[in-house]
Amino acid sequence: MGGVIRLEEMAQTACVSRFHFARMFRARVGTSPMEYVIARRIEMAKERLARAGTSICAIALDLGFFDQSHFCRTFCRRVGLTPMEYRTRATDRPTEG
């Protein structure tokens, strides 16, 4: 899901105007297309942070954020923790078994 995703490109793929696409998407999904993309990227980041092994910078760039700073601000705003705090809490949990 990395890379730049533009509303215009999504609309062209659906063969409609970007305004019509945005209205249809919001009516069907309940959120704007770009909000949906960001939410999916944050969910994927949570999964990758919980596994450790990959740097936060690499996760940010792989998921299409402009840079690590942009990723950290967005993640913190949505999750309430920095990516490092999230990783620490996720990897400190005892495994069930």
N, C-alpha and C. Protein backbone atom coordinates (compact mmCIF):
# COMPACT_ATOMS: atom_id res chain seq x y z
N MET A 1 0.83 -1.19 0.00
CA MET A 1 0.00 0.00 0.00
C MET A 1 0.87 1.25 0.00
N GLY A 2 2.13 1.09 -0.12
CA GLY A 2 3.02 2.23 -0.11
C GLY A 2 2.86 3.08 -1.35
N GLY A 3 3.49 4.22 -1.34
CA GLY A 3 3.45 5.10 -2.49
C GLY A 3 2.31 6.10 -2.39
N VAL A 4 2.32 7.01 -3.32
CA VAL A 4 1.32 8.07 -3.35
C VAL A 4 0.04 7.55 -4.00
N ILE A 5 -1.06 7.75 -3.32
CA ILE A 5 -2.36 7.39 -3.86
C ILE A 5 -3.14 8.68 -4.02
N ARG A 6 -3.57 8.96 -5.22
CA ARG A 6 -4.28 10.21 -5.50
C ARG A 6 -5.75 9.93 -5.79
N LEU A 7 -6.59 10.84 -5.29
CA LEU A 7 -8.02 10.72 -5.50
C LEU A 7 -8.34 10.70 -7.00
N GLU A 8 -7.64 11.51 -7.77
CA GLU A 8 -7.87 11.58 -9.20
C GLU A 8 -7.64 10.23 -9.87
N GLU A 9 -6.59 9.52 -9.43
CA GLU A 9 -6.28 8.21 -10.01
C GLU A 9 -7.34 7.18 -9.65
N MET A 10 -7.82 7.23 -8.40
CA MET A 10 -8.89 6.31 -8.00
C MET A 10 -10.15 6.57 -8.82
N ALA A 11 -10.47 7.84 -9.00
CA ALA A 11 -11.66 8.21 -9.78
C ALA A 11 -11.52 7.79 -11.23
N GLN A 12 -10.34 7.97 -11.81
CA GLN A 12 -10.12 7.55 -13.20
C GLN A 12 -10.30 6.05 -13.35
N THR A 13 -9.82 5.30 -12.38
CA THR A 13 -9.96 3.85 -12.41
C THR A 13 -11.44 3.46 -12.40
N ALA A 14 -12.25 4.21 -11.66
CA ALA A 14 -13.69 3.95 -11.58
C ALA A 14 -14.46 4.62 -12.72
N CYS A 15 -13.77 5.37 -13.57
CA CYS A 15 -14.36 6.06 -14.72
C CYS A 15 -15.44 7.07 -14.31
N VAL A 16 -15.16 7.81 -13.24
CA VAL A 16 -16.07 8.87 -12.79
C VAL A 16 -15.23 10.07 -12.38
N SER A 17 -15.88 11.19 -12.16
CA SER A 17 -15.16 12.37 -11.68
C SER A 17 -14.70 12.13 -10.25
N ARG A 18 -13.69 12.88 -9.84
CA ARG A 18 -13.20 12.69 -8.48
C ARG A 18 -14.24 13.07 -7.44
N PHE A 19 -15.08 14.06 -7.75
CA PHE A 19 -16.13 14.47 -6.82
C PHE A 19 -17.18 13.38 -6.68
N HIS A 20 -17.57 12.80 -7.81
CA HIS A 20 -18.56 11.72 -7.78
C HIS A 20 -17.98 10.49 -7.07
N PHE A 21 -16.73 10.18 -7.35
CA PHE A 21 -16.08 9.05 -6.70
C PHE A 21 -16.06 9.24 -5.18
N ALA A 22 -15.67 10.44 -4.74
CA ALA A 22 -15.60 10.72 -3.30
C ALA A 22 -16.97 10.58 -2.66
N ARG A 23 -18.02 11.08 -3.32
CA ARG A 23 -19.39 10.95 -2.78
C ARG A 23 -19.81 9.48 -2.72
N MET A 24 -19.56 8.74 -3.79
CA MET A 24 -19.94 7.32 -3.82
C MET A 24 -19.17 6.54 -2.74
N PHE A 25 -17.89 6.81 -2.62
CA PHE A 25 -17.06 6.10 -1.65
C PHE A 25 -17.56 6.38 -0.23
N ARG A 26 -17.80 7.64 0.08
CA ARG A 26 -18.26 8.01 1.42
C ARG A 26 -19.62 7.37 1.71
N ALA A 27 -20.51 7.34 0.73
CA ALA A 27 -21.83 6.74 0.93
C ALA A 27 -21.71 5.23 1.19
N ARG A 28 -20.78 4.58 0.52
CA ARG A 28 -20.63 3.13 0.65
C ARG A 28 -19.82 2.74 1.88
N VAL A 29 -18.70 3.43 2.12
CA VAL A 29 -17.74 3.03 3.16
C VAL A 29 -17.95 3.81 4.46
N GLY A 30 -18.49 5.03 4.36
CA GLY A 30 -18.73 5.82 5.57
C GLY A 30 -17.62 6.79 5.90
N THR A 31 -16.62 6.88 5.05
CA THR A 31 -15.51 7.80 5.27
C THR A 31 -14.96 8.22 3.91
N SER A 32 -14.14 9.26 3.90
CA SER A 32 -13.56 9.71 2.63
C SER A 32 -12.52 8.70 2.15
N PRO A 33 -12.24 8.68 0.85
CA PRO A 33 -11.23 7.76 0.34
C PRO A 33 -9.87 7.95 1.00
N MET A 34 -9.44 9.18 1.18
CA MET A 34 -8.12 9.41 1.75
C MET A 34 -8.08 9.05 3.23
N GLU A 35 -9.16 9.29 3.94
CA GLU A 35 -9.25 8.89 5.34
C GLU A 35 -9.14 7.37 5.45
N TYR A 36 -9.79 6.68 4.54
CA TYR A 36 -9.74 5.21 4.52
C TYR A 36 -8.30 4.73 4.28
N VAL A 37 -7.62 5.35 3.33
CA VAL A 37 -6.23 4.97 3.03
C VAL A 37 -5.34 5.18 4.25
N ILE A 38 -5.47 6.31 4.90
CA ILE A 38 -4.65 6.59 6.09
C ILE A 38 -4.95 5.58 7.20
N ALA A 39 -6.23 5.29 7.42
CA ALA A 39 -6.61 4.33 8.47
C ALA A 39 -6.01 2.95 8.18
N ARG A 40 -6.06 2.52 6.93
CA ARG A 40 -5.47 1.22 6.55
C ARG A 40 -3.96 1.23 6.77
N ARG A 41 -3.31 2.33 6.42
CA ARG A 41 -1.86 2.42 6.62
C ARG A 41 -1.51 2.34 8.10
N ILE A 42 -2.29 2.98 8.95
CA ILE A 42 -2.04 2.94 10.39
C ILE A 42 -2.23 1.52 10.91
N GLU A 43 -3.26 0.82 10.44
CA GLU A 43 -3.49 -0.57 10.87
C GLU A 43 -2.33 -1.47 10.45
N MET A 44 -1.84 -1.29 9.23
CA MET A 44 -0.69 -2.07 8.78
C MET A 44 0.56 -1.72 9.58
N ALA A 45 0.70 -0.45 9.94
CA ALA A 45 1.85 -0.03 10.75
C ALA A 45 1.79 -0.70 12.11
N LYS A 46 0.61 -0.78 12.71
CA LYS A 46 0.48 -1.45 14.02
C LYS A 46 0.94 -2.90 13.93
N GLU A 47 0.52 -3.59 12.88
CA GLU A 47 0.93 -4.98 12.71
C GLU A 47 2.44 -5.10 12.59
N ARG A 48 3.04 -4.24 11.81
CA ARG A 48 4.49 -4.30 11.59
C ARG A 48 5.26 -3.87 12.83
N LEU A 49 4.75 -2.90 13.56
CA LEU A 49 5.41 -2.46 14.79
C LEU A 49 5.37 -3.56 15.85
N ALA A 50 4.31 -4.31 15.90
CA ALA A 50 4.17 -5.38 16.90
C ALA A 50 5.14 -6.52 16.65
N ARG A 51 5.57 -6.69 15.40
CA ARG A 51 6.50 -7.76 15.07
C ARG A 51 7.95 -7.37 15.29
N ALA A 52 8.24 -6.11 15.45
CA ALA A 52 9.61 -5.60 15.60
C ALA A 52 10.43 -5.97 14.36
N GLY A 53 11.74 -5.81 14.45
CA GLY A 53 12.61 -6.20 13.36
C GLY A 53 12.77 -5.20 12.23
N THR A 54 11.82 -4.31 12.03
CA THR A 54 11.90 -3.31 10.97
C THR A 54 11.94 -1.93 11.61
N SER A 55 12.79 -1.07 11.11
CA SER A 55 12.89 0.27 11.69
C SER A 55 11.60 1.06 11.44
N ILE A 56 11.35 2.00 12.31
CA ILE A 56 10.18 2.84 12.17
C ILE A 56 10.26 3.65 10.88
N CYS A 57 11.45 4.09 10.55
CA CYS A 57 11.64 4.83 9.30
C CYS A 57 11.27 3.97 8.09
N ALA A 58 11.72 2.73 8.08
CA ALA A 58 11.41 1.83 6.97
C ALA A 58 9.91 1.57 6.87
N ILE A 59 9.25 1.39 8.01
CA ILE A 59 7.80 1.19 8.02
C ILE A 59 7.11 2.41 7.44
N ALA A 60 7.53 3.59 7.88
CA ALA A 60 6.93 4.83 7.39
C ALA A 60 7.03 4.94 5.88
N LEU A 61 8.21 4.71 5.35
CA LEU A 61 8.41 4.86 3.91
C LEU A 61 7.71 3.75 3.13
N ASP A 62 7.74 2.52 3.65
CA ASP A 62 7.07 1.41 2.98
C ASP A 62 5.58 1.62 2.87
N LEU A 63 5.00 2.28 3.86
CA LEU A 63 3.55 2.49 3.87
C LEU A 63 3.11 3.78 3.19
N GLY A 64 4.06 4.50 2.61
CA GLY A 64 3.70 5.65 1.79
C GLY A 64 3.63 6.98 2.50
N PHE A 65 4.16 7.06 3.71
CA PHE A 65 4.22 8.36 4.38
C PHE A 65 5.37 9.16 3.81
N PHE A 66 5.25 10.48 3.86
CA PHE A 66 6.26 11.36 3.28
C PHE A 66 7.63 11.13 3.90
N ASP A 67 7.64 11.00 5.23
CA ASP A 67 8.88 10.73 5.96
C ASP A 67 8.52 10.21 7.34
N GLN A 68 9.52 9.89 8.14
CA GLN A 68 9.28 9.33 9.47
C GLN A 68 8.54 10.31 10.36
N SER A 69 8.85 11.58 10.26
CA SER A 69 8.20 12.59 11.09
C SER A 69 6.70 12.66 10.79
N HIS A 70 6.35 12.66 9.51
CA HIS A 70 4.94 12.67 9.11
C HIS A 70 4.23 11.43 9.64
N PHE A 71 4.87 10.28 9.53
CA PHE A 71 4.30 9.03 10.05
C PHE A 71 4.08 9.11 11.56
N CYS A 72 5.10 9.57 12.29
CA CYS A 72 5.00 9.63 13.75
C CYS A 72 3.89 10.57 14.20
N ARG A 73 3.77 11.73 13.56
CA ARG A 73 2.70 12.67 13.92
C ARG A 73 1.32 12.06 13.65
N THR A 74 1.16 11.46 12.48
CA THR A 74 -0.12 10.86 12.10
C THR A 74 -0.46 9.70 13.02
N PHE A 75 0.51 8.84 13.28
CA PHE A 75 0.30 7.68 14.14
C PHE A 75 -0.10 8.13 15.55
N CYS A 76 0.62 9.07 16.10
CA CYS A 76 0.37 9.55 17.46
C CYS A 76 -1.02 10.20 17.55
N ARG A 77 -1.38 10.97 16.56
CA ARG A 77 -2.69 11.63 16.54
C ARG A 77 -3.82 10.61 16.54
N ARG A 78 -3.64 9.51 15.84
CA ARG A 78 -4.70 8.52 15.68
C ARG A 78 -4.70 7.44 16.76
N VAL A 79 -3.53 7.08 17.24
CA VAL A 79 -3.42 5.96 18.18
C VAL A 79 -3.26 6.45 19.62
N GLY A 80 -2.72 7.66 19.79
CA GLY A 80 -2.50 8.18 21.13
C GLY A 80 -1.16 7.78 21.72
N LEU A 81 -0.35 7.10 20.93
CA LEU A 81 1.00 6.69 21.33
C LEU A 81 1.93 6.96 20.16
N THR A 82 3.19 7.18 20.45
CA THR A 82 4.16 7.26 19.37
C THR A 82 4.38 5.84 18.85
N PRO A 83 4.91 5.69 17.63
CA PRO A 83 5.20 4.34 17.14
C PRO A 83 6.12 3.56 18.07
N MET A 84 7.11 4.21 18.67
CA MET A 84 8.02 3.53 19.58
C MET A 84 7.28 3.06 20.84
N GLU A 85 6.42 3.91 21.38
CA GLU A 85 5.63 3.52 22.55
C GLU A 85 4.73 2.33 22.20
N TYR A 86 4.11 2.40 21.03
CA TYR A 86 3.24 1.31 20.60
C TYR A 86 4.04 0.01 20.47
N ARG A 87 5.20 0.09 19.84
CA ARG A 87 6.05 -1.09 19.66
C ARG A 87 6.44 -1.67 21.01
N THR A 88 6.85 -0.82 21.94
CA THR A 88 7.26 -1.28 23.27
C THR A 88 6.13 -2.01 23.97
N ARG A 89 4.94 -1.42 23.94
CA ARG A 89 3.78 -2.06 24.59
C ARG A 89 3.40 -3.35 23.89
N ALA A 90 3.44 -3.35 22.57
CA ALA A 90 3.03 -4.54 21.82
C ALA A 90 4.01 -5.69 21.99
N THR A 91 5.29 -5.39 22.08
CA THR A 91 6.29 -6.45 22.21
C THR A 91 6.51 -6.86 23.65
N ASP A 92 6.02 -6.09 24.63
CA ASP A 92 6.15 -6.45 26.04
C ASP A 92 5.02 -7.34 26.52
N ARG A 93 4.01 -7.52 25.68
CA ARG A 93 2.89 -8.36 26.10
C ARG A 93 3.32 -9.82 26.17
N PRO A 94 2.92 -10.53 27.21
CA PRO A 94 3.26 -11.95 27.28
C PRO A 94 2.50 -12.74 26.22
N THR A 95 3.13 -13.71 25.66
CA THR A 95 2.48 -14.54 24.66
C THR A 95 1.60 -15.56 25.35
N GLU A 96 0.47 -15.83 24.74
CA GLU A 96 -0.45 -16.82 25.30
C GLU A 96 -0.06 -18.19 24.79
N GLY A 97 -0.22 -19.15 25.61
CA GLY A 97 0.12 -20.46 25.11
C GLY A 97 -0.10 -21.47 26.08
